[in-house]
């Protein structure tokens, strides 16, 4: 029975263009070949992942009584959910920092006294 399932072609549509998915797959040097069915399943899995992530971001948005989904809602979902934690490991989706909270290099550097200033 499993051979009958394997022999069947997978049908359906994907929002992501399969040709672009195949190009992205070809970038990986470890993958020699990828069938059309595999590329299609990767596209569908990617769509499902994006849908899940947006739903979790929307829940964060609704918790704040906001109507517009923003980057910070997605970043909060990534930082709070264990199954999205892998996105914060290498700063793929970092939390936002206000510009005023970023330490300035010029404001903390001590002024140097030069000989021309003493004259």
PDB file of N, CA and C in Angstrom:
ATOM      1  N   UNK A   1       0.819  -1.190   0.000  1.00  0.00           N
ATOM      2  CA  UNK A   1       0.000   0.000   0.000  1.00  0.00           C
ATOM      3  C   UNK A   1       0.864   1.255   0.000  1.00  0.00           C
ATOM      4  N   UNK A   2       2.001   1.222   0.659  1.00  0.00           N
ATOM      5  CA  UNK A   2       2.858   2.397   0.681  1.00  0.00           C
ATOM      6  C   UNK A   2       3.452   2.687  -0.686  1.00  0.00           C
ATOM      7  N   UNK A   3       3.695   1.654  -1.495  1.00  0.00           N
ATOM      8  CA  UNK A   3       4.237   1.896  -2.827  1.00  0.00           C
ATOM      9  C   UNK A   3       3.222   2.602  -3.707  1.00  0.00           C
ATOM     10  N   UNK A   4       1.936   2.365  -3.490  1.00  0.00           N
ATOM     11  CA  UNK A   4       0.902   3.054  -4.258  1.00  0.00           C
ATOM     12  C   UNK A   4       0.889   4.537  -3.916  1.00  0.00           C
ATOM     13  N   UNK A   5       1.147   4.858  -2.662  1.00  0.00           N
ATOM     14  CA  UNK A   5       1.179   6.255  -2.249  1.00  0.00           C
ATOM     15  C   UNK A   5       2.420   6.939  -2.802  1.00  0.00           C
ATOM     16  N   UNK A   6       3.528   6.265  -2.811  1.00  0.00           N
ATOM     17  CA  UNK A   6       4.781   6.836  -3.302  1.00  0.00           C
ATOM     18  C   UNK A   6       4.717   7.093  -4.799  1.00  0.00           C
ATOM     19  N   UNK A   7       4.051   6.226  -5.546  1.00  0.00           N
ATOM     20  CA  UNK A   7       3.991   6.360  -6.994  1.00  0.00           C
ATOM     21  C   UNK A   7       3.056   7.474  -7.452  1.00  0.00           C
ATOM     22  N   UNK A   8       2.153   7.909  -6.607  1.00  0.00           N
ATOM     23  CA  UNK A   8       1.210   8.941  -7.008  1.00  0.00           C
ATOM     24  C   UNK A   8       1.897  10.303  -7.021  1.00  0.00           C
ATOM     25  N   UNK A   9       1.533  11.105  -8.006  1.00  0.00           N
ATOM     26  CA  UNK A   9       2.039  12.465  -8.056  1.00  0.00           C
ATOM     27  C   UNK A   9       1.205  13.338  -7.130  1.00  0.00           C
ATOM     28  N   UNK A  10       1.867  14.266  -6.500  1.00  0.00           N
ATOM     29  CA  UNK A  10       1.185  15.194  -5.612  1.00  0.00           C
ATOM     30  C   UNK A  10       0.648  16.329  -6.467  1.00  0.00           C
ATOM     31  N   UNK A  11      -0.615  16.643  -6.281  1.00  0.00           N
ATOM     32  CA  UNK A  11      -1.232  17.714  -7.055  1.00  0.00           C
ATOM     33  C   UNK A  11      -1.677  18.814  -6.115  1.00  0.00           C
ATOM     34  N   UNK A  12      -1.832  19.979  -6.649  1.00  0.00           N
ATOM     35  CA  UNK A  12      -2.267  21.122  -5.868  1.00  0.00           C
ATOM     36  C   UNK A  12      -1.560  22.369  -6.361  1.00  0.00           C
ATOM     37  N   UNK A  13      -1.810  23.447  -5.671  1.00  0.00           N
ATOM     38  CA  UNK A  13      -1.183  24.708  -6.044  1.00  0.00           C
ATOM     39  C   UNK A  13      -0.493  25.305  -4.830  1.00  0.00           C
ATOM     40  N   UNK A  14       0.484  26.102  -5.118  1.00  0.00           N
ATOM     41  CA  UNK A  14       1.230  26.795  -4.083  1.00  0.00           C
ATOM     42  C   UNK A  14       1.273  28.275  -4.433  1.00  0.00           C
ATOM     43  N   UNK A  15       1.224  29.098  -3.417  1.00  0.00           N
ATOM     44  CA  UNK A  15       1.336  30.537  -3.643  1.00  0.00           C
ATOM     45  C   UNK A  15       2.757  30.890  -4.068  1.00  0.00           C
ATOM     46  N   UNK A  16       3.723  30.175  -3.511  1.00  0.00           N
ATOM     47  CA  UNK A  16       5.123  30.410  -3.863  1.00  0.00           C
ATOM     48  C   UNK A  16       5.434  29.766  -5.207  1.00  0.00           C
ATOM     49  N   UNK A  17       6.111  30.478  -6.094  1.00  0.00           N
ATOM     50  CA  UNK A  17       6.465  29.880  -7.385  1.00  0.00           C
ATOM     51  C   UNK A  17       7.490  28.756  -7.206  1.00  0.00           C
ATOM     52  N   UNK A  18       7.165  27.599  -7.740  1.00  0.00           N
ATOM     53  CA  UNK A  18       8.014  26.416  -7.587  1.00  0.00           C
ATOM     54  C   UNK A  18       9.392  26.647  -8.209  1.00  0.00           C
ATOM     55  N   UNK A  19       9.445  27.408  -9.308  1.00  0.00           N
ATOM     56  CA  UNK A  19      10.744  27.664  -9.945  1.00  0.00           C
ATOM     57  C   UNK A  19      11.674  28.431  -9.003  1.00  0.00           C
ATOM     58  N   UNK A  20      11.128  29.363  -8.241  1.00  0.00           N
ATOM     59  CA  UNK A  20      11.952  30.118  -7.278  1.00  0.00           C
ATOM     60  C   UNK A  20      12.371  29.234  -6.111  1.00  0.00           C
ATOM     61  N   UNK A  21      11.471  28.354  -5.679  1.00  0.00           N
ATOM     62  CA  UNK A  21      11.811  27.421  -4.603  1.00  0.00           C
ATOM     63  C   UNK A  21      12.951  26.516  -5.053  1.00  0.00           C
ATOM     64  N   UNK A  22      12.884  26.040  -6.301  1.00  0.00           N
ATOM     65  CA  UNK A  22      13.954  25.184  -6.829  1.00  0.00           C
ATOM     66  C   UNK A  22      15.279  25.936  -6.899  1.00  0.00           C
ATOM     67  N   UNK A  23      15.239  27.230  -7.263  1.00  0.00           N
ATOM     68  CA  UNK A  23      16.473  28.022  -7.309  1.00  0.00           C
ATOM     69  C   UNK A  23      17.093  28.144  -5.924  1.00  0.00           C
ATOM     70  N   UNK A  24      16.252  28.344  -4.922  1.00  0.00           N
ATOM     71  CA  UNK A  24      16.752  28.446  -3.554  1.00  0.00           C
ATOM     72  C   UNK A  24      17.345  27.112  -3.112  1.00  0.00           C
ATOM     73  N   UNK A  25      16.697  26.022  -3.483  1.00  0.00           N
ATOM     74  CA  UNK A  25      17.199  24.692  -3.125  1.00  0.00           C
ATOM     75  C   UNK A  25      18.553  24.443  -3.785  1.00  0.00           C
ATOM     76  N   UNK A  26      18.713  24.881  -5.038  1.00  0.00           N
ATOM     77  CA  UNK A  26      19.967  24.659  -5.769  1.00  0.00           C
ATOM     78  C   UNK A  26      21.143  25.414  -5.159  1.00  0.00           C
ATOM     79  N   UNK A  27      20.876  26.438  -4.378  1.00  0.00           N
ATOM     80  CA  UNK A  27      21.949  27.200  -3.740  1.00  0.00           C
ATOM     81  C   UNK A  27      22.720  26.325  -2.756  1.00  0.00           C
ATOM     82  N   UNK A  28      22.013  25.383  -2.128  1.00  0.00           N
ATOM     83  CA  UNK A  28      22.651  24.485  -1.158  1.00  0.00           C
ATOM     84  C   UNK A  28      23.540  23.491  -1.891  1.00  0.00           C
ATOM     85  N   UNK A  29      24.823  23.511  -1.578  1.00  0.00           N
ATOM     86  CA  UNK A  29      25.783  22.620  -2.238  1.00  0.00           C
ATOM     87  C   UNK A  29      25.588  21.161  -1.856  1.00  0.00           C
ATOM     88  N   UNK A  30      24.977  20.907  -0.710  1.00  0.00           N
ATOM     89  CA  UNK A  30      24.785  19.530  -0.251  1.00  0.00           C
ATOM     90  C   UNK A  30      23.687  18.795  -1.020  1.00  0.00           C
ATOM     91  N   UNK A  31      22.793  19.527  -1.655  1.00  0.00           N
ATOM     92  CA  UNK A  31      21.687  18.901  -2.384  1.00  0.00           C
ATOM     93  C   UNK A  31      22.061  18.818  -3.860  1.00  0.00           C
ATOM     94  N   UNK A  32      22.139  17.596  -4.370  1.00  0.00           N
ATOM     95  CA  UNK A  32      22.513  17.382  -5.765  1.00  0.00           C
ATOM     96  C   UNK A  32      21.292  17.517  -6.663  1.00  0.00           C
ATOM     97  N   UNK A  33      20.217  16.813  -6.314  1.00  0.00           N
ATOM     98  CA  UNK A  33      18.989  16.865  -7.096  1.00  0.00           C
ATOM     99  C   UNK A  33      17.798  17.016  -6.164  1.00  0.00           C
ATOM    100  N   UNK A  34      16.741  17.609  -6.698  1.00  0.00           N
ATOM    101  CA  UNK A  34      15.503  17.758  -5.943  1.00  0.00           C
ATOM    102  C   UNK A  34      14.351  17.584  -6.923  1.00  0.00           C
ATOM    103  N   UNK A  35      13.480  16.632  -6.651  1.00  0.00           N
ATOM    104  CA  UNK A  35      12.362  16.370  -7.561  1.00  0.00           C
ATOM    105  C   UNK A  35      11.330  17.488  -7.463  1.00  0.00           C
ATOM    106  N   UNK A  36      10.465  17.538  -8.444  1.00  0.00           N
ATOM    107  CA  UNK A  36       9.400  18.543  -8.457  1.00  0.00           C
ATOM    108  C   UNK A  36       8.461  18.352  -7.272  1.00  0.00           C
ATOM    109  N   UNK A  37       8.189  17.091  -6.934  1.00  0.00           N
ATOM    110  CA  UNK A  37       7.328  16.821  -5.781  1.00  0.00           C
ATOM    111  C   UNK A  37       7.956  17.335  -4.488  1.00  0.00           C
ATOM    112  N   UNK A  38       9.252  17.160  -4.354  1.00  0.00           N
ATOM    113  CA  UNK A  38       9.944  17.643  -3.156  1.00  0.00           C
ATOM    114  C   UNK A  38       9.904  19.163  -3.085  1.00  0.00           C
ATOM    115  N   UNK A  39      10.142  19.823  -4.200  1.00  0.00           N
ATOM    116  CA  UNK A  39      10.091  21.284  -4.234  1.00  0.00           C
ATOM    117  C   UNK A  39       8.691  21.781  -3.900  1.00  0.00           C
ATOM    118  N   UNK A  40       7.679  21.078  -4.410  1.00  0.00           N
ATOM    119  CA  UNK A  40       6.297  21.446  -4.113  1.00  0.00           C
ATOM    120  C   UNK A  40       6.013  21.303  -2.614  1.00  0.00           C
ATOM    121  N   UNK A  41       6.455  20.202  -2.018  1.00  0.00           N
ATOM    122  CA  UNK A  41       6.227  19.996  -0.587  1.00  0.00           C
ATOM    123  C   UNK A  41       6.980  21.019   0.261  1.00  0.00           C
ATOM    124  N   UNK A  42       8.169  21.406  -0.174  1.00  0.00           N
ATOM    125  CA  UNK A  42       8.917  22.448   0.534  1.00  0.00           C
ATOM    126  C   UNK A  42       8.168  23.775   0.449  1.00  0.00           C
ATOM    127  N   UNK A  43       7.598  24.077  -0.712  1.00  0.00           N
ATOM    128  CA  UNK A  43       6.817  25.305  -0.877  1.00  0.00           C
ATOM    129  C   UNK A  43       5.591  25.293   0.032  1.00  0.00           C
ATOM    130  N   UNK A  44       4.886  24.162   0.092  1.00  0.00           N
ATOM    131  CA  UNK A  44       3.700  24.055   0.943  1.00  0.00           C
ATOM    132  C   UNK A  44       4.092  24.171   2.417  1.00  0.00           C
ATOM    133  N   UNK A  45       5.180  23.509   2.809  1.00  0.00           N
ATOM    134  CA  UNK A  45       5.648  23.589   4.199  1.00  0.00           C
ATOM    135  C   UNK A  45       6.041  25.021   4.555  1.00  0.00           C
ATOM    136  N   UNK A  46       6.648  25.730   3.618  1.00  0.00           N
ATOM    137  CA  UNK A  46       7.025  27.126   3.844  1.00  0.00           C
ATOM    138  C   UNK A  46       5.790  27.989   4.032  1.00  0.00           C
ATOM    139  N   UNK A  47       4.776  27.779   3.203  1.00  0.00           N
ATOM    140  CA  UNK A  47       3.516  28.512   3.351  1.00  0.00           C
ATOM    141  C   UNK A  47       2.887  28.254   4.714  1.00  0.00           C
ATOM    142  N   UNK A  48       2.897  26.995   5.133  1.00  0.00           N
ATOM    143  CA  UNK A  48       2.310  26.649   6.429  1.00  0.00           C
ATOM    144  C   UNK A  48       3.090  27.286   7.574  1.00  0.00           C
ATOM    145  N   UNK A  49       4.420  27.338   7.453  1.00  0.00           N
ATOM    146  CA  UNK A  49       5.245  27.971   8.478  1.00  0.00           C
ATOM    147  C   UNK A  49       4.956  29.468   8.552  1.00  0.00           C
ATOM    148  N   UNK A  50       4.884  30.118   7.406  1.00  0.00           N
ATOM    149  CA  UNK A  50       4.596  31.556   7.382  1.00  0.00           C
ATOM    150  C   UNK A  50       3.221  31.824   7.977  1.00  0.00           C
ATOM    151  N   UNK A  51       2.248  30.999   7.632  1.00  0.00           N
ATOM    152  CA  UNK A  51       0.898  31.153   8.169  1.00  0.00           C
ATOM    153  C   UNK A  51       0.905  31.009   9.698  1.00  0.00           C
ATOM    154  N   UNK A  52       1.608  30.014  10.210  1.00  0.00           N
ATOM    155  CA  UNK A  52       1.684  29.810  11.659  1.00  0.00           C
ATOM    156  C   UNK A  52       2.348  31.002  12.345  1.00  0.00           C
ATOM    157  N   UNK A  53       3.448  31.474  11.766  1.00  0.00           N
ATOM    158  CA  UNK A  53       4.169  32.585  12.380  1.00  0.00           C
ATOM    159  C   UNK A  53       3.323  33.857  12.395  1.00  0.00           C
ATOM    160  N   UNK A  54       2.606  34.108  11.319  1.00  0.00           N
ATOM    161  CA  UNK A  54       1.741  35.289  11.259  1.00  0.00           C
ATOM    162  C   UNK A  54       0.593  35.156  12.261  1.00  0.00           C
ATOM    163  N   UNK A  55       0.029  33.957  12.402  1.00  0.00           N
ATOM    164  CA  UNK A  55      -1.037  33.745  13.384  1.00  0.00           C
ATOM    165  C   UNK A  55      -0.537  34.025  14.798  1.00  0.00           C
ATOM    166  N   UNK A  56       0.663  33.565  15.119  1.00  0.00           N
ATOM    167  CA  UNK A  56       1.226  33.816  16.445  1.00  0.00           C
ATOM    168  C   UNK A  56       1.513  35.304  16.643  1.00  0.00           C
ATOM    169  N   UNK A  57       1.996  35.972  15.600  1.00  0.00           N
ATOM    170  CA  UNK A  57       2.205  37.416  15.670  1.00  0.00           C
ATOM    171  C   UNK A  57       0.895  38.157  15.841  1.00  0.00           C
ATOM    172  N   UNK A  58      -0.148  37.672  15.186  1.00  0.00           N
ATOM    173  CA  UNK A  58      -1.470  38.286  15.311  1.00  0.00           C
ATOM    174  C   UNK A  58      -2.004  38.144  16.733  1.00  0.00           C
ATOM    175  N   UNK A  59      -1.751  37.007  17.364  1.00  0.00           N
ATOM    176  CA  UNK A  59      -2.164  36.838  18.762  1.00  0.00           C
ATOM    177  C   UNK A  59      -1.457  37.849  19.662  1.00  0.00           C
ATOM    178  N   UNK A  60      -0.175  38.098  19.402  1.00  0.00           N
ATOM    179  CA  UNK A  60       0.565  39.108  20.163  1.00  0.00           C
ATOM    180  C   UNK A  60      -0.021  40.495  19.910  1.00  0.00           C
ATOM    181  N   UNK A  61      -0.421  40.737  18.682  1.00  0.00           N
ATOM    182  CA  UNK A  61      -1.025  42.014  18.297  1.00  0.00           C
ATOM    183  C   UNK A  61      -2.355  42.209  19.020  1.00  0.00           C
ATOM    184  N   UNK A  62      -3.180  41.176  19.046  1.00  0.00           N
ATOM    185  CA  UNK A  62      -4.485  41.262  19.696  1.00  0.00           C
ATOM    186  C   UNK A  62      -4.350  41.388  21.209  1.00  0.00           C
ATOM    187  N   UNK A  63      -3.299  40.807  21.780  1.00  0.00           N
ATOM    188  CA  UNK A  63      -3.059  40.956  23.222  1.00  0.00           C
ATOM    189  C   UNK A  63      -2.795  42.407  23.598  1.00  0.00           C
ATOM    190  N   UNK A  64      -2.249  43.177  22.673  1.00  0.00           N
ATOM    191  CA  UNK A  64      -1.978  44.595  22.908  1.00  0.00           C
ATOM    192  C   UNK A  64      -3.132  45.477  22.439  1.00  0.00           C
ATOM    193  N   UNK A  65      -4.228  44.868  22.018  1.00  0.00           N
ATOM    194  CA  UNK A  65      -5.404  45.589  21.503  1.00  0.00           C
ATOM    195  C   UNK A  65      -5.054  46.484  20.318  1.00  0.00           C
ATOM    196  N   UNK A  66      -4.181  46.008  19.466  1.00  0.00           N
ATOM    197  CA  UNK A  66      -3.800  46.733  18.252  1.00  0.00           C
ATOM    198  C   UNK A  66      -4.489  46.100  17.058  1.00  0.00           C
ATOM    199  N   UNK A  67      -4.645  46.877  16.002  1.00  0.00           N
ATOM    200  CA  UNK A  67      -5.307  46.386  14.796  1.00  0.00           C
ATOM    201  C   UNK A  67      -4.334  46.101  13.663  1.00  0.00           C
ATOM    202  N   UNK A  68      -3.113  46.587  13.785  1.00  0.00           N
ATOM    203  CA  UNK A  68      -2.127  46.421  12.729  1.00  0.00           C
ATOM    204  C   UNK A  68      -0.986  45.534  13.213  1.00  0.00           C
ATOM    205  N   UNK A  69      -0.711  44.491  12.458  1.00  0.00           N
ATOM    206  CA  UNK A  69       0.397  43.594  12.779  1.00  0.00           C
ATOM    207  C   UNK A  69       1.702  44.287  12.411  1.00  0.00           C
ATOM    208  N   UNK A  70       2.612  44.357  13.371  1.00  0.00           N
ATOM    209  CA  UNK A  70       3.889  45.014  13.151  1.00  0.00           C
ATOM    210  C   UNK A  70       5.029  44.045  13.423  1.00  0.00           C
ATOM    211  N   UNK A  71       6.217  44.459  13.034  1.00  0.00           N
ATOM    212  CA  UNK A  71       7.415  43.635  13.211  1.00  0.00           C
ATOM    213  C   UNK A  71       7.593  43.230  14.664  1.00  0.00           C
ATOM    214  N   UNK A  72       7.341  44.144  15.574  1.00  0.00           N
ATOM    215  CA  UNK A  72       7.562  43.848  16.992  1.00  0.00           C
ATOM    216  C   UNK A  72       6.663  42.730  17.490  1.00  0.00           C
ATOM    217  N   UNK A  73       5.467  42.585  16.896  1.00  0.00           N
ATOM    218  CA  UNK A  73       4.583  41.489  17.287  1.00  0.00           C
ATOM    219  C   UNK A  73       5.181  40.140  16.874  1.00  0.00           C
ATOM    220  N   UNK A  74       5.759  40.097  15.683  1.00  0.00           N
ATOM    221  CA  UNK A  74       6.420  38.864  15.239  1.00  0.00           C
ATOM    222  C   UNK A  74       7.655  38.576  16.089  1.00  0.00           C
ATOM    223  N   UNK A  75       8.421  39.618  16.411  1.00  0.00           N
ATOM    224  CA  UNK A  75       9.610  39.442  17.247  1.00  0.00           C
ATOM    225  C   UNK A  75       9.222  38.957  18.643  1.00  0.00           C
ATOM    226  N   UNK A  76       8.108  39.458  19.178  1.00  0.00           N
ATOM    227  CA  UNK A  76       7.633  38.993  20.485  1.00  0.00           C
ATOM    228  C   UNK A  76       7.213  37.531  20.423  1.00  0.00           C
ATOM    229  N   UNK A  77       6.553  37.145  19.346  1.00  0.00           N
ATOM    230  CA  UNK A  77       6.150  35.745  19.186  1.00  0.00           C
ATOM    231  C   UNK A  77       7.379  34.846  19.139  1.00  0.00           C
ATOM    232  N   UNK A  78       8.420  35.285  18.436  1.00  0.00           N
ATOM    233  CA  UNK A  78       9.654  34.494  18.333  1.00  0.00           C
ATOM    234  C   UNK A  78      10.317  34.362  19.701  1.00  0.00           C
ATOM    235  N   UNK A  79      10.334  35.438  20.470  1.00  0.00           N
ATOM    236  CA  UNK A  79      11.014  35.386  21.767  1.00  0.00           C
ATOM    237  C   UNK A  79      10.212  34.628  22.823  1.00  0.00           C
ATOM    238  N   UNK A  80       8.897  34.545  22.675  1.00  0.00           N
ATOM    239  CA  UNK A  80       8.065  33.915  23.706  1.00  0.00           C
ATOM    240  C   UNK A  80       7.713  32.458  23.433  1.00  0.00           C
ATOM    241  N   UNK A  81       7.748  32.037  22.187  1.00  0.00           N
ATOM    242  CA  UNK A  81       7.334  30.675  21.851  1.00  0.00           C
ATOM    243  C   UNK A  81       8.551  29.782  21.648  1.00  0.00           C
ATOM    244  N   UNK A  82       8.529  28.639  22.300  1.00  0.00           N
ATOM    245  CA  UNK A  82       9.659  27.712  22.215  1.00  0.00           C
ATOM    246  C   UNK A  82       9.874  27.177  20.803  1.00  0.00           C
ATOM    247  N   UNK A  83       8.785  26.922  20.072  1.00  0.00           N
ATOM    248  CA  UNK A  83       8.951  26.329  18.744  1.00  0.00           C
ATOM    249  C   UNK A  83       9.388  27.350  17.690  1.00  0.00           C
ATOM    250  N   UNK A  84       9.442  28.627  18.029  1.00  0.00           N
ATOM    251  CA  UNK A  84       9.976  29.648  17.119  1.00  0.00           C
ATOM    252  C   UNK A  84      11.320  30.189  17.610  1.00  0.00           C
ATOM    253  N   UNK A  85      11.807  29.634  18.696  1.00  0.00           N
ATOM    254  CA  UNK A  85      13.034  30.129  19.312  1.00  0.00           C
ATOM    255  C   UNK A  85      14.249  30.036  18.388  1.00  0.00           C
ATOM    256  N   UNK A  86      14.249  29.078  17.484  1.00  0.00           N
ATOM    257  CA  UNK A  86      15.391  28.914  16.578  1.00  0.00           C
ATOM    258  C   UNK A  86      15.609  30.148  15.710  1.00  0.00           C
ATOM    259  N   UNK A  87      14.593  30.985  15.550  1.00  0.00           N
ATOM    260  CA  UNK A  87      14.734  32.194  14.738  1.00  0.00           C
ATOM    261  C   UNK A  87      15.490  33.299  15.477  1.00  0.00           C
ATOM    262  N   UNK A  88      15.573  33.212  16.786  1.00  0.00           N
ATOM    263  CA  UNK A  88      16.268  34.252  17.547  1.00  0.00           C
ATOM    264  C   UNK A  88      17.713  33.890  17.857  1.00  0.00           C
ATOM    265  N   UNK A  89      18.125  32.680  17.521  1.00  0.00           N
ATOM    266  CA  UNK A  89      19.475  32.215  17.864  1.00  0.00           C
ATOM    267  C   UNK A  89      20.548  33.057  17.183  1.00  0.00           C
ATOM    268  N   UNK A  90      20.448  33.266  15.907  1.00  0.00           N
ATOM    269  CA  UNK A  90      21.460  34.031  15.170  1.00  0.00           C
ATOM    270  C   UNK A  90      20.920  35.388  14.732  1.00  0.00           C
ATOM    271  N   UNK A  91      20.040  35.947  15.505  1.00  0.00           N
ATOM    272  CA  UNK A  91      19.437  37.248  15.219  1.00  0.00           C
ATOM    273  C   UNK A  91      18.734  37.285  13.873  1.00  0.00           C
ATOM    274  N   UNK A  92      18.054  36.196  13.522  1.00  0.00           N
ATOM    275  CA  UNK A  92      17.256  36.195  12.303  1.00  0.00           C
ATOM    276  C   UNK A  92      16.102  37.170  12.452  1.00  0.00           C
ATOM    277  N   UNK A  93      15.449  37.129  13.596  1.00  0.00           N
ATOM    278  CA  UNK A  93      14.377  38.077  13.904  1.00  0.00           C
ATOM    279  C   UNK A  93      14.682  38.664  15.282  1.00  0.00           C
ATOM    280  N   UNK A  94      15.540  39.675  15.346  1.00  0.00           N
ATOM    281  CA  UNK A  94      15.886  40.252  16.645  1.00  0.00           C
ATOM    282  C   UNK A  94      14.776  41.170  17.154  1.00  0.00           C
ATOM    283  N   UNK A  95      14.771  41.380  18.460  1.00  0.00           N
ATOM    284  CA  UNK A  95      13.835  42.341  19.034  1.00  0.00           C
ATOM    285  C   UNK A  95      14.275  43.737  18.608  1.00  0.00           C
ATOM    286  N   UNK A  96      13.319  44.623  18.463  1.00  0.00           N
ATOM    287  CA  UNK A  96      13.649  45.985  18.061  1.00  0.00           C
ATOM    288  C   UNK A  96      14.180  46.764  19.260  1.00  0.00           C
ATOM    289  N   UNK A  97      15.066  47.681  18.980  1.00  0.00           N
ATOM    290  CA  UNK A  97      15.649  48.542  19.998  1.00  0.00           C
ATOM    291  C   UNK A  97      15.423  49.979  19.555  1.00  0.00           C
ATOM    292  N   UNK A  98      14.943  50.803  20.471  1.00  0.00           N
ATOM    293  CA  UNK A  98      14.737  52.212  20.156  1.00  0.00           C
ATOM    294  C   UNK A  98      16.086  52.870  19.889  1.00  0.00           C
ATOM    295  N   UNK A  99      16.088  53.830  18.985  1.00  0.00           N
ATOM    296  CA  UNK A  99      17.336  54.497  18.610  1.00  0.00           C
ATOM    297  C   UNK A  99      17.984  55.166  19.813  1.00  0.00           C
ATOM    298  N   UNK A 100      17.176  55.732  20.699  1.00  0.00           N
ATOM    299  CA  UNK A 100      17.730  56.416  21.867  1.00  0.00           C
ATOM    300  C   UNK A 100      18.400  55.452  22.843  1.00  0.00           C
ATOM    301  N   UNK A 101      18.049  54.155  22.768  1.00  0.00           N
ATOM    302  CA  UNK A 101      18.636  53.158  23.660  1.00  0.00           C
ATOM    303  C   UNK A 101      19.956  52.593  23.147  1.00  0.00           C
ATOM    304  N   UNK A 102      20.317  52.921  21.911  1.00  0.00           N
ATOM    305  CA  UNK A 102      21.571  52.433  21.338  1.00  0.00           C
ATOM    306  C   UNK A 102      22.695  53.344  21.813  1.00  0.00           C
ATOM    307  N   UNK A 103      23.711  52.773  22.446  1.00  0.00           N
ATOM    308  CA  UNK A 103      24.811  53.622  22.921  1.00  0.00           C
ATOM    309  C   UNK A 103      25.567  54.233  21.741  1.00  0.00           C
ATOM    310  N   UNK A 104      25.831  55.489  21.853  1.00  0.00           N
ATOM    311  CA  UNK A 104      26.539  56.201  20.794  1.00  0.00           C
ATOM    312  C   UNK A 104      28.042  56.108  21.028  1.00  0.00           C
ATOM    313  N   UNK A 105      28.788  55.872  19.975  1.00  0.00           N
ATOM    314  CA  UNK A 105      30.247  55.777  20.089  1.00  0.00           C
ATOM    315  C   UNK A 105      30.854  57.141  20.388  1.00  0.00           C
ATOM    316  N   UNK A 106      30.298  58.192  19.818  1.00  0.00           N
ATOM    317  CA  UNK A 106      30.883  59.518  19.994  1.00  0.00           C
ATOM    318  C   UNK A 106      30.580  60.092  21.369  1.00  0.00           C
ATOM    319  N   UNK A 107      29.440  59.773  21.950  1.00  0.00           N
ATOM    320  CA  UNK A 107      29.098  60.368  23.240  1.00  0.00           C
ATOM    321  C   UNK A 107      29.877  59.742  24.391  1.00  0.00           C
ATOM    322  N   UNK A 108      30.318  58.501  24.252  1.00  0.00           N
ATOM    323  CA  UNK A 108      31.039  57.833  25.330  1.00  0.00           C
ATOM    324  C   UNK A 108      32.551  57.926  25.181  1.00  0.00           C
ATOM    325  N   UNK A 109      33.036  58.372  24.042  1.00  0.00           N
ATOM    326  CA  UNK A 109      34.479  58.472  23.831  1.00  0.00           C
ATOM    327  C   UNK A 109      35.002  59.706  24.563  1.00  0.00           C
ATOM    328  N   UNK A 110      36.036  59.567  25.384  1.00  0.00           N
ATOM    329  CA  UNK A 110      36.583  60.721  26.100  1.00  0.00           C
ATOM    330  C   UNK A 110      37.280  61.665  25.121  1.00  0.00           C
ATOM    331  N   UNK A 111      37.186  62.931  25.425  1.00  0.00           N
ATOM    332  CA  UNK A 111      37.824  63.929  24.575  1.00  0.00           C
ATOM    333  C   UNK A 111      39.333  63.866  24.772  1.00  0.00           C
ATOM    334  N   UNK A 112      40.054  63.894  23.680  1.00  0.00           N
ATOM    335  CA  UNK A 112      41.512  63.838  23.738  1.00  0.00           C
ATOM    336  C   UNK A 112      42.061  65.261  23.733  1.00  0.00           C
ATOM    337  N   UNK A 113      42.987  65.508  24.619  1.00  0.00           N
ATOM    338  CA  UNK A 113      43.652  66.807  24.652  1.00  0.00           C
ATOM    339  C   UNK A 113      44.851  66.757  23.725  1.00  0.00           C
ATOM    340  N   UNK A 114      44.868  67.625  22.792  1.00  0.00           N
ATOM    341  CA  UNK A 114      46.005  67.699  21.884  1.00  0.00           C
ATOM    342  C   UNK A 114      46.811  68.946  22.209  1.00  0.00           C
ATOM    343  N   UNK A 115      47.988  69.022  21.677  1.00  0.00           N
ATOM    344  CA  UNK A 115      48.848  70.175  21.936  1.00  0.00           C
ATOM    345  C   UNK A 115      48.269  71.444  21.341  1.00  0.00           C
ATOM    346  N   UNK A 116      47.533  71.333  20.253  1.00  0.00           N
ATOM    347  CA  UNK A 116      46.962  72.531  19.641  1.00  0.00           C
ATOM    348  C   UNK A 116      45.844  73.100  20.505  1.00  0.00           C
ATOM    349  N   UNK A 117      45.174  72.252  21.304  1.00  0.00           N
ATOM    350  CA  UNK A 117      44.124  72.739  22.192  1.00  0.00           C
ATOM    351  C   UNK A 117      44.712  73.530  23.361  1.00  0.00           C
ATOM    352  N   UNK A 118      45.932  73.204  23.765  1.00  0.00           N
ATOM    353  CA  UNK A 118      46.554  73.869  24.902  1.00  0.00           C
ATOM    354  C   UNK A 118      47.052  75.256  24.548  1.00  0.00           C
ATOM    355  N   UNK A 119      47.308  75.536  23.289  1.00  0.00           N
ATOM    356  CA  UNK A 119      47.852  76.834  22.884  1.00  0.00           C
ATOM    357  C   UNK A 119      46.792  77.816  22.830  1.00  0.00           C
TER     358      UNK A 119
END
